[in-house]
Amino acid sequence: MTDSTATVRPAARADLTAVAGIYRHYVLHSVATFDEVPRTLGEWELRHDELAARGLPFLVAEEAGQVLGFAYAGPWRPKPAYRHTVEDTVYLDPRATGRGLGGALLGGLIEGCERAGARRMIAVVAIPGDDDSGTGTDASGAASLALHRRFGFADAGRLTAVGYKHGRWIDTLLLERALTAKETGAR
């Protein structure tokens, strides 16, 4: 269900303070990101500018002047042969989950990456490893998996115990999706 009062639009530099605040929550309180120190506003400005220079989308979901979430696509890997493959990033203000904003952001991101000429999109979803307490995927990981699978991402592999955060080993699931009409057979 998409919340009809929120809009998805390109991020402006003025949005980056809110973006930093949303991301800070996930850095400090989850394993959704492997960052352990929140990014500074300057780092967000640099990320925003780098993606704009590459023609890649950086979006926000906004309602009544408040940023409720953000999404962007960046290069999957730095080596030149990967230049047509992007990795998506989607985060919501924890108070704005369950409103369809993640889907609105990811849908907009996919469209923007197709227009930019990207061929494949990769999603990396963090989940507790097998040697963890047995709690399984945390709430943000479960939501991310469901979101990506709803948009046609297929499982591509699992990397075991590749991150250590908040006192536990974390696995990542890799998912992938074709972006171009040529690959998907669409349009």
N, C-alpha and C. Protein backbone atom coordinates (compact mmCIF):
# COMPACT_ATOMS: atom_id res chain seq x y z
N MET A 1 0.85 -1.18 0.00
CA MET A 1 0.00 0.00 0.00
C MET A 1 0.89 1.23 0.00
N THR A 2 0.71 2.09 -0.98
CA THR A 2 1.50 3.31 -1.06
C THR A 2 0.73 4.46 -0.42
N ASP A 3 1.43 5.22 0.39
CA ASP A 3 0.84 6.39 1.04
C ASP A 3 0.73 7.50 0.00
N SER A 4 -0.49 7.93 -0.30
CA SER A 4 -0.69 8.89 -1.38
C SER A 4 -0.28 10.31 -1.02
N THR A 5 0.00 10.60 0.24
CA THR A 5 0.37 11.97 0.61
C THR A 5 1.87 12.23 0.50
N ALA A 6 2.65 11.21 0.36
CA ALA A 6 4.10 11.37 0.22
C ALA A 6 4.47 11.39 -1.25
N THR A 7 5.52 12.12 -1.57
CA THR A 7 6.01 12.15 -2.94
C THR A 7 7.46 11.69 -2.97
N VAL A 8 7.83 11.09 -4.08
CA VAL A 8 9.22 10.70 -4.31
C VAL A 8 9.77 11.67 -5.33
N ARG A 9 10.93 12.23 -5.03
CA ARG A 9 11.55 13.23 -5.90
C ARG A 9 13.06 13.13 -5.79
N PRO A 10 13.78 13.74 -6.72
CA PRO A 10 15.24 13.77 -6.61
C PRO A 10 15.66 14.49 -5.33
N ALA A 11 16.67 13.96 -4.69
CA ALA A 11 17.19 14.58 -3.47
C ALA A 11 17.91 15.88 -3.82
N ALA A 12 17.72 16.87 -2.98
CA ALA A 12 18.45 18.12 -3.08
C ALA A 12 19.46 18.16 -1.94
N ARG A 13 20.46 19.00 -2.08
CA ARG A 13 21.47 19.10 -1.01
C ARG A 13 20.82 19.46 0.32
N ALA A 14 19.74 20.24 0.28
CA ALA A 14 19.05 20.64 1.50
C ALA A 14 18.42 19.44 2.22
N ASP A 15 18.21 18.33 1.53
CA ASP A 15 17.63 17.12 2.13
C ASP A 15 18.66 16.27 2.88
N LEU A 16 19.92 16.55 2.67
CA LEU A 16 20.96 15.63 3.14
C LEU A 16 21.12 15.60 4.66
N THR A 17 20.74 16.64 5.35
CA THR A 17 20.76 16.60 6.82
C THR A 17 19.76 15.56 7.31
N ALA A 18 18.57 15.54 6.72
CA ALA A 18 17.57 14.54 7.08
C ALA A 18 18.02 13.14 6.68
N VAL A 19 18.62 13.02 5.50
CA VAL A 19 19.16 11.73 5.05
C VAL A 19 20.18 11.22 6.06
N ALA A 20 21.08 12.08 6.48
CA ALA A 20 22.11 11.70 7.46
C ALA A 20 21.47 11.23 8.76
N GLY A 21 20.40 11.89 9.19
CA GLY A 21 19.72 11.50 10.42
C GLY A 21 19.06 10.13 10.32
N ILE A 22 18.42 9.87 9.19
CA ILE A 22 17.80 8.56 8.99
C ILE A 22 18.87 7.47 9.00
N TYR A 23 19.93 7.69 8.24
CA TYR A 23 20.99 6.70 8.14
C TYR A 23 21.67 6.47 9.49
N ARG A 24 21.85 7.54 10.25
CA ARG A 24 22.47 7.45 11.58
C ARG A 24 21.76 6.40 12.44
N HIS A 25 20.44 6.40 12.40
CA HIS A 25 19.68 5.42 13.18
C HIS A 25 20.11 3.99 12.84
N TYR A 26 20.22 3.70 11.56
CA TYR A 26 20.56 2.34 11.13
C TYR A 26 22.01 1.99 11.44
N VAL A 27 22.89 2.96 11.37
CA VAL A 27 24.29 2.72 11.74
C VAL A 27 24.38 2.33 13.21
N LEU A 28 23.69 3.07 14.04
CA LEU A 28 23.82 2.88 15.49
C LEU A 28 22.97 1.75 16.06
N HIS A 29 21.87 1.41 15.40
CA HIS A 29 20.91 0.49 16.03
C HIS A 29 20.56 -0.75 15.21
N SER A 30 21.24 -1.00 14.10
CA SER A 30 20.90 -2.17 13.30
C SER A 30 22.14 -2.71 12.59
N VAL A 31 21.93 -3.81 11.91
CA VAL A 31 22.98 -4.37 11.06
C VAL A 31 22.65 -4.16 9.59
N ALA A 32 21.67 -3.32 9.30
CA ALA A 32 21.27 -3.06 7.92
C ALA A 32 22.41 -2.45 7.11
N THR A 33 23.30 -1.75 7.77
CA THR A 33 24.50 -1.21 7.14
C THR A 33 25.71 -1.70 7.91
N PHE A 34 26.79 -1.90 7.23
CA PHE A 34 28.02 -2.30 7.90
C PHE A 34 28.84 -1.09 8.34
N ASP A 35 28.38 0.12 8.05
CA ASP A 35 29.03 1.29 8.63
C ASP A 35 28.88 1.22 10.14
N GLU A 36 29.92 1.62 10.85
CA GLU A 36 29.88 1.63 12.31
C GLU A 36 29.91 3.04 12.88
N VAL A 37 30.23 4.00 12.04
CA VAL A 37 30.25 5.41 12.42
C VAL A 37 29.35 6.15 11.42
N PRO A 38 28.39 6.93 11.92
CA PRO A 38 27.52 7.67 10.99
C PRO A 38 28.31 8.58 10.06
N ARG A 39 27.87 8.71 8.83
CA ARG A 39 28.51 9.58 7.86
C ARG A 39 28.22 11.04 8.20
N THR A 40 29.18 11.88 7.93
CA THR A 40 29.01 13.31 8.16
C THR A 40 28.19 13.92 7.03
N LEU A 41 27.70 15.13 7.26
CA LEU A 41 26.98 15.83 6.21
C LEU A 41 27.88 16.02 4.99
N GLY A 42 29.14 16.33 5.22
CA GLY A 42 30.08 16.48 4.11
C GLY A 42 30.22 15.21 3.29
N GLU A 43 30.23 14.06 3.94
CA GLU A 43 30.31 12.79 3.22
C GLU A 43 29.04 12.56 2.39
N TRP A 44 27.88 12.94 2.94
CA TRP A 44 26.64 12.81 2.19
C TRP A 44 26.62 13.76 1.00
N GLU A 45 27.14 14.96 1.17
CA GLU A 45 27.21 15.90 0.06
C GLU A 45 28.10 15.35 -1.06
N LEU A 46 29.21 14.77 -0.68
CA LEU A 46 30.11 14.17 -1.66
C LEU A 46 29.42 13.01 -2.39
N ARG A 47 28.73 12.14 -1.66
CA ARG A 47 28.01 11.01 -2.27
C ARG A 47 26.97 11.54 -3.26
N HIS A 48 26.20 12.52 -2.83
CA HIS A 48 25.17 13.12 -3.67
C HIS A 48 25.77 13.66 -4.97
N ASP A 49 26.86 14.39 -4.85
CA ASP A 49 27.51 14.99 -6.02
C ASP A 49 28.11 13.93 -6.94
N GLU A 50 28.73 12.90 -6.37
CA GLU A 50 29.33 11.83 -7.18
C GLU A 50 28.26 11.09 -7.99
N LEU A 51 27.14 10.80 -7.36
CA LEU A 51 26.08 10.09 -8.07
C LEU A 51 25.47 10.96 -9.16
N ALA A 52 25.28 12.24 -8.86
CA ALA A 52 24.76 13.16 -9.87
C ALA A 52 25.70 13.24 -11.07
N ALA A 53 27.00 13.27 -10.82
CA ALA A 53 27.98 13.34 -11.91
C ALA A 53 27.93 12.08 -12.78
N ARG A 54 27.54 10.96 -12.20
CA ARG A 54 27.43 9.69 -12.96
C ARG A 54 26.05 9.54 -13.60
N GLY A 55 25.14 10.46 -13.32
CA GLY A 55 23.79 10.37 -13.87
C GLY A 55 22.92 9.35 -13.16
N LEU A 56 23.31 8.96 -11.93
CA LEU A 56 22.56 7.96 -11.18
C LEU A 56 21.59 8.64 -10.20
N PRO A 57 20.45 8.01 -9.95
CA PRO A 57 19.44 8.63 -9.11
C PRO A 57 19.76 8.60 -7.61
N PHE A 58 19.39 9.67 -6.94
CA PHE A 58 19.38 9.79 -5.48
C PHE A 58 18.04 10.42 -5.17
N LEU A 59 17.16 9.68 -4.54
CA LEU A 59 15.77 10.08 -4.34
C LEU A 59 15.44 10.22 -2.86
N VAL A 60 14.42 11.02 -2.58
CA VAL A 60 13.86 11.08 -1.23
C VAL A 60 12.35 10.92 -1.32
N ALA A 61 11.77 10.38 -0.27
CA ALA A 61 10.32 10.38 -0.08
C ALA A 61 10.04 11.50 0.90
N GLU A 62 9.14 12.40 0.51
CA GLU A 62 8.91 13.60 1.30
C GLU A 62 7.42 13.81 1.51
N GLU A 63 7.08 14.26 2.69
CA GLU A 63 5.68 14.58 3.00
C GLU A 63 5.67 15.83 3.87
N ALA A 64 4.93 16.81 3.45
CA ALA A 64 4.79 18.07 4.20
C ALA A 64 6.15 18.65 4.58
N GLY A 65 7.09 18.58 3.65
CA GLY A 65 8.40 19.16 3.88
C GLY A 65 9.35 18.31 4.71
N GLN A 66 8.92 17.11 5.10
CA GLN A 66 9.77 16.23 5.91
C GLN A 66 10.22 15.03 5.08
N VAL A 67 11.53 14.78 5.09
CA VAL A 67 12.09 13.62 4.40
C VAL A 67 11.82 12.39 5.25
N LEU A 68 11.12 11.41 4.66
CA LEU A 68 10.74 10.19 5.37
C LEU A 68 11.59 8.99 4.97
N GLY A 69 12.37 9.13 3.90
CA GLY A 69 13.21 8.04 3.44
C GLY A 69 14.03 8.48 2.25
N PHE A 70 15.00 7.65 1.90
CA PHE A 70 15.85 7.97 0.75
C PHE A 70 16.30 6.69 0.08
N ALA A 71 16.70 6.85 -1.17
CA ALA A 71 17.22 5.72 -1.94
C ALA A 71 18.19 6.27 -2.97
N TYR A 72 19.23 5.50 -3.24
CA TYR A 72 20.13 5.86 -4.32
C TYR A 72 20.75 4.60 -4.89
N ALA A 73 21.30 4.75 -6.08
CA ALA A 73 22.02 3.65 -6.72
C ALA A 73 23.44 4.14 -6.98
N GLY A 74 24.39 3.32 -6.61
CA GLY A 74 25.79 3.63 -6.85
C GLY A 74 26.45 2.48 -7.57
N PRO A 75 27.68 2.68 -7.99
CA PRO A 75 28.40 1.61 -8.68
C PRO A 75 28.48 0.36 -7.80
N TRP A 76 28.30 -0.79 -8.42
CA TRP A 76 28.39 -2.06 -7.69
C TRP A 76 29.83 -2.31 -7.23
N ARG A 77 30.77 -2.15 -8.12
CA ARG A 77 32.19 -2.33 -7.83
C ARG A 77 32.96 -1.25 -8.59
N PRO A 78 34.18 -0.94 -8.15
CA PRO A 78 34.90 0.16 -8.80
C PRO A 78 35.58 -0.18 -10.14
N LYS A 79 35.76 -1.45 -10.45
CA LYS A 79 36.46 -1.81 -11.69
C LYS A 79 35.59 -1.47 -12.90
N PRO A 80 36.22 -0.99 -13.98
CA PRO A 80 35.48 -0.46 -15.13
C PRO A 80 34.48 -1.43 -15.77
N ALA A 81 34.76 -2.70 -15.79
CA ALA A 81 33.85 -3.63 -16.45
C ALA A 81 32.51 -3.75 -15.73
N TYR A 82 32.43 -3.30 -14.48
CA TYR A 82 31.17 -3.31 -13.72
C TYR A 82 30.33 -2.06 -13.96
N ARG A 83 30.73 -1.18 -14.86
CA ARG A 83 30.10 0.14 -14.99
C ARG A 83 28.61 0.10 -15.33
N HIS A 84 28.10 -1.01 -15.79
CA HIS A 84 26.67 -1.09 -16.13
C HIS A 84 25.86 -1.77 -15.03
N THR A 85 26.49 -2.02 -13.90
CA THR A 85 25.83 -2.68 -12.77
C THR A 85 25.84 -1.73 -11.58
N VAL A 86 24.69 -1.59 -10.94
CA VAL A 86 24.56 -0.69 -9.79
C VAL A 86 24.08 -1.47 -8.57
N GLU A 87 24.33 -0.90 -7.41
CA GLU A 87 23.82 -1.44 -6.15
C GLU A 87 22.85 -0.43 -5.58
N ASP A 88 21.70 -0.92 -5.14
CA ASP A 88 20.70 -0.02 -4.58
C ASP A 88 20.85 0.12 -3.07
N THR A 89 20.39 1.26 -2.58
CA THR A 89 20.35 1.55 -1.15
C THR A 89 19.00 2.20 -0.88
N VAL A 90 18.26 1.67 0.09
CA VAL A 90 16.95 2.21 0.46
C VAL A 90 16.85 2.21 1.98
N TYR A 91 16.56 3.38 2.56
CA TYR A 91 16.35 3.49 4.02
C TYR A 91 15.15 4.39 4.29
N LEU A 92 14.37 4.00 5.29
CA LEU A 92 13.21 4.78 5.71
C LEU A 92 13.38 5.23 7.15
N ASP A 93 12.85 6.39 7.45
CA ASP A 93 12.73 6.81 8.84
C ASP A 93 11.95 5.69 9.54
N PRO A 94 12.44 5.19 10.67
CA PRO A 94 11.74 4.07 11.33
C PRO A 94 10.27 4.37 11.64
N ARG A 95 9.91 5.63 11.78
CA ARG A 95 8.52 6.00 12.05
C ARG A 95 7.66 6.00 10.79
N ALA A 96 8.28 5.78 9.63
CA ALA A 96 7.55 5.85 8.36
C ALA A 96 7.46 4.50 7.65
N THR A 97 7.78 3.43 8.33
CA THR A 97 7.72 2.11 7.69
C THR A 97 6.27 1.65 7.59
N GLY A 98 6.03 0.71 6.70
CA GLY A 98 4.70 0.13 6.55
C GLY A 98 3.72 0.99 5.77
N ARG A 99 4.20 2.01 5.10
CA ARG A 99 3.34 2.92 4.36
C ARG A 99 3.53 2.80 2.85
N GLY A 100 4.36 1.88 2.40
CA GLY A 100 4.60 1.72 0.97
C GLY A 100 5.69 2.63 0.43
N LEU A 101 6.38 3.35 1.29
CA LEU A 101 7.40 4.28 0.84
C LEU A 101 8.63 3.57 0.29
N GLY A 102 8.99 2.44 0.87
CA GLY A 102 10.13 1.67 0.35
C GLY A 102 9.87 1.25 -1.09
N GLY A 103 8.67 0.80 -1.39
CA GLY A 103 8.32 0.41 -2.75
C GLY A 103 8.32 1.59 -3.70
N ALA A 104 7.82 2.72 -3.24
CA ALA A 104 7.82 3.92 -4.08
C ALA A 104 9.25 4.35 -4.39
N LEU A 105 10.11 4.30 -3.39
CA LEU A 105 11.51 4.68 -3.60
C LEU A 105 12.22 3.69 -4.52
N LEU A 106 12.05 2.39 -4.26
CA LEU A 106 12.75 1.39 -5.08
C LEU A 106 12.23 1.43 -6.52
N GLY A 107 10.92 1.59 -6.70
CA GLY A 107 10.38 1.70 -8.05
C GLY A 107 10.96 2.88 -8.80
N GLY A 108 11.05 4.02 -8.13
CA GLY A 108 11.65 5.20 -8.75
C GLY A 108 13.12 5.01 -9.04
N LEU A 109 13.80 4.31 -8.16
CA LEU A 109 15.22 4.04 -8.35
C LEU A 109 15.44 3.15 -9.57
N ILE A 110 14.65 2.11 -9.70
CA ILE A 110 14.76 1.22 -10.85
C ILE A 110 14.54 1.99 -12.15
N GLU A 111 13.50 2.80 -12.20
CA GLU A 111 13.24 3.60 -13.40
C GLU A 111 14.40 4.55 -13.70
N GLY A 112 14.92 5.21 -12.68
CA GLY A 112 16.04 6.13 -12.89
C GLY A 112 17.29 5.42 -13.38
N CYS A 113 17.54 4.23 -12.88
CA CYS A 113 18.72 3.48 -13.31
C CYS A 113 18.56 2.98 -14.74
N GLU A 114 17.34 2.59 -15.11
CA GLU A 114 17.09 2.19 -16.50
C GLU A 114 17.35 3.37 -17.44
N ARG A 115 16.86 4.55 -17.07
CA ARG A 115 17.09 5.75 -17.90
C ARG A 115 18.58 6.08 -17.98
N ALA A 116 19.31 5.79 -16.90
CA ALA A 116 20.75 6.07 -16.88
C ALA A 116 21.56 5.04 -17.66
N GLY A 117 20.90 3.98 -18.15
CA GLY A 117 21.58 2.98 -18.95
C GLY A 117 22.17 1.82 -18.16
N ALA A 118 21.82 1.71 -16.87
CA ALA A 118 22.31 0.56 -16.10
C ALA A 118 21.62 -0.71 -16.59
N ARG A 119 22.32 -1.82 -16.49
CA ARG A 119 21.84 -3.10 -17.00
C ARG A 119 21.37 -4.04 -15.90
N ARG A 120 22.04 -4.00 -14.75
CA ARG A 120 21.71 -4.89 -13.62
C ARG A 120 21.72 -4.09 -12.34
N MET A 121 20.87 -4.49 -11.39
CA MET A 121 20.87 -3.90 -10.07
C MET A 121 21.09 -5.01 -9.05
N ILE A 122 21.99 -4.74 -8.12
CA ILE A 122 22.33 -5.68 -7.06
C ILE A 122 21.80 -5.12 -5.75
N ALA A 123 21.26 -5.99 -4.92
CA ALA A 123 20.87 -5.63 -3.56
C ALA A 123 21.67 -6.51 -2.61
N VAL A 124 22.18 -5.92 -1.56
CA VAL A 124 22.93 -6.65 -0.54
C VAL A 124 22.16 -6.48 0.76
N VAL A 125 21.65 -7.57 1.30
CA VAL A 125 20.81 -7.51 2.50
C VAL A 125 21.52 -8.25 3.64
N ALA A 126 21.74 -7.54 4.73
CA ALA A 126 22.42 -8.12 5.88
C ALA A 126 21.44 -8.94 6.72
N ILE A 127 21.91 -10.12 7.13
CA ILE A 127 21.11 -10.98 8.01
C ILE A 127 22.05 -11.62 9.03
N PRO A 128 21.56 -11.90 10.24
CA PRO A 128 22.42 -12.57 11.21
C PRO A 128 22.88 -13.93 10.69
N GLY A 129 24.10 -14.29 11.01
CA GLY A 129 24.67 -15.55 10.54
C GLY A 129 24.14 -16.75 11.32
N ASP A 130 24.49 -17.95 10.83
CA ASP A 130 24.01 -19.19 11.45
C ASP A 130 24.49 -19.35 12.88
N ASP A 131 25.67 -18.75 13.20
CA ASP A 131 26.17 -18.91 14.56
C ASP A 131 25.61 -17.84 15.49
N ASP A 132 24.64 -17.07 15.02
CA ASP A 132 23.99 -16.04 15.82
C ASP A 132 23.03 -16.70 16.80
N SER A 133 22.32 -15.93 17.54
CA SER A 133 21.43 -16.43 18.58
C SER A 133 20.21 -17.16 18.03
N GLY A 134 20.09 -17.25 16.72
CA GLY A 134 18.96 -17.95 16.14
C GLY A 134 17.77 -17.05 15.89
N THR A 135 17.97 -15.76 16.03
CA THR A 135 16.85 -14.84 15.85
C THR A 135 16.46 -14.66 14.39
N GLY A 136 17.31 -15.11 13.47
CA GLY A 136 17.01 -14.96 12.06
C GLY A 136 17.19 -13.53 11.59
N THR A 137 16.57 -13.20 10.48
CA THR A 137 16.70 -11.89 9.89
C THR A 137 16.07 -10.84 10.79
N ASP A 138 16.77 -9.72 11.03
CA ASP A 138 16.16 -8.66 11.83
C ASP A 138 15.06 -8.00 11.02
N ALA A 139 14.28 -7.14 11.65
CA ALA A 139 13.11 -6.56 10.99
C ALA A 139 13.47 -5.82 9.72
N SER A 140 14.56 -5.04 9.73
CA SER A 140 14.91 -4.30 8.53
C SER A 140 15.37 -5.25 7.43
N GLY A 141 16.07 -6.33 7.78
CA GLY A 141 16.49 -7.30 6.77
C GLY A 141 15.32 -8.04 6.17
N ALA A 142 14.36 -8.44 6.99
CA ALA A 142 13.18 -9.13 6.50
C ALA A 142 12.37 -8.22 5.57
N ALA A 143 12.22 -6.96 5.96
CA ALA A 143 11.48 -6.01 5.13
C ALA A 143 12.20 -5.78 3.81
N SER A 144 13.52 -5.68 3.85
CA SER A 144 14.29 -5.45 2.64
C SER A 144 14.19 -6.64 1.69
N LEU A 145 14.30 -7.84 2.23
CA LEU A 145 14.16 -9.03 1.38
C LEU A 145 12.79 -9.06 0.72
N ALA A 146 11.74 -8.83 1.48
CA ALA A 146 10.38 -8.85 0.93
C ALA A 146 10.23 -7.77 -0.15
N LEU A 147 10.73 -6.59 0.11
CA LEU A 147 10.64 -5.49 -0.85
C LEU A 147 11.33 -5.86 -2.16
N HIS A 148 12.56 -6.32 -2.07
CA HIS A 148 13.32 -6.64 -3.28
C HIS A 148 12.69 -7.80 -4.05
N ARG A 149 12.24 -8.80 -3.36
CA ARG A 149 11.61 -9.94 -4.06
C ARG A 149 10.32 -9.49 -4.74
N ARG A 150 9.58 -8.57 -4.13
CA ARG A 150 8.36 -8.05 -4.74
C ARG A 150 8.66 -7.32 -6.05
N PHE A 151 9.85 -6.76 -6.16
CA PHE A 151 10.25 -6.05 -7.37
C PHE A 151 11.04 -6.93 -8.34
N GLY A 152 10.98 -8.24 -8.14
CA GLY A 152 11.56 -9.15 -9.11
C GLY A 152 13.04 -9.47 -8.92
N PHE A 153 13.61 -9.12 -7.79
CA PHE A 153 15.00 -9.49 -7.51
C PHE A 153 15.05 -10.98 -7.19
N ALA A 154 16.05 -11.65 -7.71
CA ALA A 154 16.25 -13.07 -7.47
C ALA A 154 17.49 -13.28 -6.61
N ASP A 155 17.44 -14.30 -5.78
CA ASP A 155 18.60 -14.62 -4.96
C ASP A 155 19.79 -14.97 -5.85
N ALA A 156 20.94 -14.42 -5.50
CA ALA A 156 22.15 -14.67 -6.29
C ALA A 156 23.24 -15.32 -5.46
N GLY A 157 23.09 -15.34 -4.14
CA GLY A 157 24.09 -15.97 -3.31
C GLY A 157 24.09 -15.45 -1.89
N ARG A 158 24.81 -16.16 -1.06
CA ARG A 158 24.95 -15.79 0.35
C ARG A 158 26.42 -15.75 0.70
N LEU A 159 26.83 -14.68 1.35
CA LEU A 159 28.19 -14.56 1.86
C LEU A 159 28.10 -14.74 3.37
N THR A 160 28.83 -15.70 3.90
CA THR A 160 28.71 -16.09 5.29
C THR A 160 29.70 -15.38 6.19
N ALA A 161 29.19 -14.81 7.27
CA ALA A 161 30.00 -14.17 8.32
C ALA A 161 31.01 -13.17 7.74
N VAL A 162 30.54 -12.32 6.85
CA VAL A 162 31.43 -11.35 6.21
C VAL A 162 31.50 -10.02 6.96
N GLY A 163 30.62 -9.82 7.92
CA GLY A 163 30.65 -8.61 8.72
C GLY A 163 30.49 -8.93 10.19
N TYR A 164 31.06 -8.07 11.04
CA TYR A 164 30.92 -8.24 12.48
C TYR A 164 30.47 -6.90 13.05
N LYS A 165 29.28 -6.88 13.62
CA LYS A 165 28.73 -5.64 14.14
C LYS A 165 27.81 -5.95 15.32
N HIS A 166 27.82 -5.08 16.29
CA HIS A 166 27.00 -5.22 17.50
C HIS A 166 27.21 -6.60 18.16
N GLY A 167 28.46 -7.06 18.13
CA GLY A 167 28.81 -8.29 18.83
C GLY A 167 28.38 -9.57 18.16
N ARG A 168 28.09 -9.52 16.88
CA ARG A 168 27.70 -10.76 16.20
C ARG A 168 28.16 -10.75 14.75
N TRP A 169 28.31 -11.95 14.21
CA TRP A 169 28.68 -12.12 12.80
C TRP A 169 27.44 -11.97 11.94
N ILE A 170 27.62 -11.32 10.81
CA ILE A 170 26.52 -11.03 9.91
C ILE A 170 26.80 -11.61 8.53
N ASP A 171 25.82 -12.29 7.98
CA ASP A 171 25.87 -12.77 6.60
C ASP A 171 25.22 -11.71 5.71
N THR A 172 25.46 -11.80 4.43
CA THR A 172 24.72 -10.97 3.48
C THR A 172 24.13 -11.86 2.40
N LEU A 173 22.92 -11.53 2.02
CA LEU A 173 22.29 -12.17 0.87
C LEU A 173 22.44 -11.23 -0.31
N LEU A 174 22.86 -11.76 -1.43
CA LEU A 174 22.97 -10.98 -2.66
C LEU A 174 21.75 -11.30 -3.52
N LEU A 175 21.12 -10.26 -4.01
CA LEU A 175 19.99 -10.40 -4.93
C LEU A 175 20.29 -9.58 -6.17
N GLU A 176 19.72 -9.96 -7.31
CA GLU A 176 19.97 -9.23 -8.54
C GLU A 176 18.70 -9.12 -9.36
N ARG A 177 18.68 -8.09 -10.20
CA ARG A 177 17.54 -7.85 -11.07
C ARG A 177 18.03 -7.23 -12.37
N ALA A 178 17.51 -7.74 -13.49
CA ALA A 178 17.79 -7.12 -14.77
C ALA A 178 17.04 -5.80 -14.84
N LEU A 179 17.64 -4.80 -15.49
CA LEU A 179 17.01 -3.49 -15.58
C LEU A 179 16.52 -3.13 -16.97
N THR A 180 17.22 -3.51 -17.97
CA THR A 180 16.88 -3.04 -19.32
C THR A 180 15.73 -3.85 -19.91
N ALA A 181 14.99 -3.21 -20.77
CA ALA A 181 13.90 -3.89 -21.45
C ALA A 181 14.42 -5.08 -22.24
N LYS A 182 15.62 -4.95 -22.80
CA LYS A 182 16.22 -6.03 -23.57
C LYS A 182 16.41 -7.26 -22.69
N GLU A 183 16.90 -7.08 -21.46
CA GLU A 183 17.14 -8.22 -20.59
C GLU A 183 15.86 -8.78 -19.99
N THR A 184 14.93 -7.93 -19.62
CA THR A 184 13.73 -8.40 -18.93
C THR A 184 12.66 -8.88 -19.89
N GLY A 185 12.81 -8.52 -21.18
CA GLY A 185 11.80 -8.88 -22.15
C GLY A 185 10.59 -7.95 -22.11
N ALA A 186 10.65 -6.95 -21.26
CA ALA A 186 9.52 -6.01 -21.12
C ALA A 186 9.62 -4.89 -22.13
N ARG A 187 8.53 -4.19 -22.27
CA ARG A 187 8.40 -2.98 -23.10
C ARG A 187 8.65 -3.28 -24.52
